[in-house]
Amino acid sequence: MKMQERIRRARRRAGFSQTGLAAAVDVRRSAVSNWESADGVLPSMHNLLAIAKACRVSLEWLGTGRGGISTDPEALAEVPAADAELVDVEEERILLAGFRELPRRSQQLVLDLVDTLQSSRRRAGQA
C-alpha cells in the first residue's frame, strides 16, 4: 500500500472528510487531495506527524507501511520531525539498511565517497 492510500485509509478510519482533515492539520483541502492522489506530492514530515496525530494512527505505519495502524496518540508527542525524512523508494531502503549494518569506519568511507561523487558532479555541471 502506498503512502497516498495509507493517508486516505487513516482519514476515513478517523471519520474525517478531506476538508475535516485539512482543518485538523491546518492546511487547505487541496493539500489533502494532493496527498491522496496517485501522482500527488507527499506531505512534509511536519504534516505527516500532524496527520498521524489527528487520525490517531502510527507514524511509522503512515510513513512506511510497517507496523500496526493504531498507536497511543501520546507517543507521537515526542517525535522529532524537523529533520526527519521518509524513505519510500526500495533502492533507498536497501542502501539505508546496508549502511546501518556497516561498522562506523566503513560508514564514514561511504559518506566520503558520496561527498566525492557530489563534488565531481558539481564540477562537471560548472564546466
Protein backbone atom coordinates (compact mmCIF):
# COMPACT_ATOMS: atom_id res chain seq x y z
CA MET A 1 0.00 0.00 0.00
CA LYS A 2 1.39 3.38 -0.99
CA MET A 3 1.53 6.35 1.35
CA GLN A 4 -1.28 8.06 -0.55
CA GLU A 5 -3.54 5.08 0.18
CA ARG A 6 -2.49 4.96 3.85
CA ILE A 7 -3.35 8.65 4.27
CA ARG A 8 -6.79 8.06 2.74
CA ARG A 9 -7.34 4.97 4.90
CA ALA A 10 -6.28 6.80 8.08
CA ARG A 11 -8.50 9.76 7.24
CA ARG A 12 -11.55 7.59 6.59
CA ARG A 13 -10.87 5.43 9.64
CA ALA A 14 -10.83 8.60 11.77
CA GLY A 15 -14.11 9.75 10.20
CA PHE A 16 -12.65 12.82 8.51
CA SER A 17 -13.65 14.24 5.17
CA GLN A 18 -10.78 15.80 3.23
CA THR A 19 -11.99 19.18 4.48
CA GLY A 20 -12.09 17.93 8.06
CA LEU A 21 -8.57 16.53 7.93
CA ALA A 22 -7.34 19.72 6.29
CA ALA A 23 -8.77 21.73 9.20
CA ALA A 24 -7.22 19.36 11.75
CA VAL A 25 -3.79 19.59 10.09
CA ASP A 26 -4.13 23.31 9.29
CA VAL A 27 -3.72 23.02 5.53
CA ARG A 28 -6.03 23.57 2.56
CA ARG A 29 -8.34 20.80 1.40
CA SER A 30 -6.45 20.72 -1.90
CA ALA A 31 -3.31 19.68 0.00
CA VAL A 32 -5.12 16.63 1.40
CA SER A 33 -6.47 15.86 -2.07
CA ASN A 34 -2.93 16.06 -3.49
CA TRP A 35 -1.54 13.80 -0.75
CA GLU A 36 -4.16 11.19 -1.58
CA SER A 37 -3.88 11.31 -5.37
CA ALA A 38 -1.78 8.75 -7.22
CA ASP A 39 0.53 11.41 -8.72
CA GLY A 40 0.28 13.77 -5.77
CA VAL A 41 3.00 15.27 -3.71
CA LEU A 42 3.75 13.65 -0.38
CA PRO A 43 3.27 15.62 2.83
CA SER A 44 6.21 17.11 4.68
CA MET A 45 7.32 15.30 7.83
CA HIS A 46 5.65 18.05 9.86
CA ASN A 47 2.33 17.44 8.10
CA LEU A 48 2.72 13.66 8.23
CA LEU A 49 3.10 13.86 12.00
CA ALA A 50 0.02 16.11 12.19
CA ILE A 51 -1.97 13.61 10.11
CA ALA A 52 -0.88 10.74 12.36
CA LYS A 53 -1.89 12.69 15.46
CA ALA A 54 -5.23 13.82 14.03
CA CYS A 55 -6.13 10.34 12.76
CA ARG A 56 -4.64 8.55 15.79
CA VAL A 57 -2.52 6.21 13.71
CA SER A 58 1.07 5.09 13.99
CA LEU A 59 3.53 7.48 12.37
CA GLU A 60 5.65 4.52 11.30
CA TRP A 61 2.67 2.84 9.62
CA LEU A 62 1.55 6.06 7.97
CA GLY A 63 5.02 6.90 6.65
CA THR A 64 6.35 3.45 5.75
CA GLY A 65 3.54 0.92 5.94
CA ARG A 66 5.43 -1.04 8.59
CA GLY A 67 4.00 -1.85 11.99
CA GLY A 68 0.41 -1.60 13.11
CA ILE A 69 -2.00 1.16 12.16
CA SER A 70 -3.02 2.03 15.73
CA THR A 71 -0.90 3.82 18.28
CA ASP A 72 -1.11 5.66 21.52
CA PRO A 73 -1.55 9.32 20.48
CA GLU A 74 0.64 10.42 23.40
CA ALA A 75 3.56 8.50 21.87
CA LEU A 76 3.56 10.93 18.94
CA ALA A 77 4.12 13.96 21.16
CA GLU A 78 7.88 13.44 21.37
CA VAL A 79 8.58 12.61 17.71
CA PRO A 80 11.28 14.93 16.32
CA ALA A 81 10.00 15.89 12.90
CA ALA A 82 12.09 18.86 11.82
CA ASP A 83 14.93 16.96 10.14
CA ALA A 84 13.30 13.59 9.56
CA GLU A 85 12.97 12.13 6.08
CA LEU A 86 10.87 9.24 4.86
CA VAL A 87 12.38 6.53 2.73
CA ASP A 88 9.68 5.34 0.35
CA VAL A 89 11.86 4.03 -2.50
CA GLU A 90 13.00 0.40 -2.31
CA GLU A 91 16.56 1.14 -3.50
CA GLU A 92 16.94 3.79 -0.79
CA ARG A 93 15.71 1.32 1.84
CA ILE A 94 18.28 -1.23 0.69
CA LEU A 95 21.07 1.36 0.81
CA LEU A 96 20.00 2.60 4.23
CA ALA A 97 19.74 -0.91 5.67
CA GLY A 98 23.18 -1.80 4.30
CA PHE A 99 24.67 1.45 5.59
CA ARG A 100 23.29 0.84 9.09
CA GLU A 101 24.90 -2.62 9.20
CA LEU A 102 28.37 -1.28 8.39
CA PRO A 103 30.94 -0.50 11.09
CA ARG A 104 31.34 3.21 11.81
CA ARG A 105 34.63 3.44 9.87
CA SER A 106 33.01 1.93 6.77
CA GLN A 107 30.05 4.28 7.13
CA GLN A 108 32.48 7.19 7.04
CA LEU A 109 34.09 5.80 3.87
CA VAL A 110 30.65 5.64 2.23
CA LEU A 111 29.93 9.23 3.27
CA ASP A 112 33.30 10.32 1.87
CA LEU A 113 32.53 8.54 -1.42
CA VAL A 114 29.13 10.26 -1.68
CA ASP A 115 30.78 13.62 -1.00
CA THR A 116 33.41 12.95 -3.69
CA LEU A 117 30.76 11.92 -6.22
CA GLN A 118 28.67 15.01 -5.47
CA SER A 119 31.71 17.28 -5.79
CA SER A 120 32.63 15.70 -9.14
CA ARG A 121 29.07 16.16 -10.37
CA ARG A 122 29.01 19.83 -9.32
CA ARG A 123 32.34 20.47 -11.04
CA ALA A 124 31.11 18.77 -14.20
CA GLY A 125 27.98 20.92 -14.14
CA GLN A 126 30.06 24.09 -13.86
CA ALA A 127 32.27 23.20 -16.82
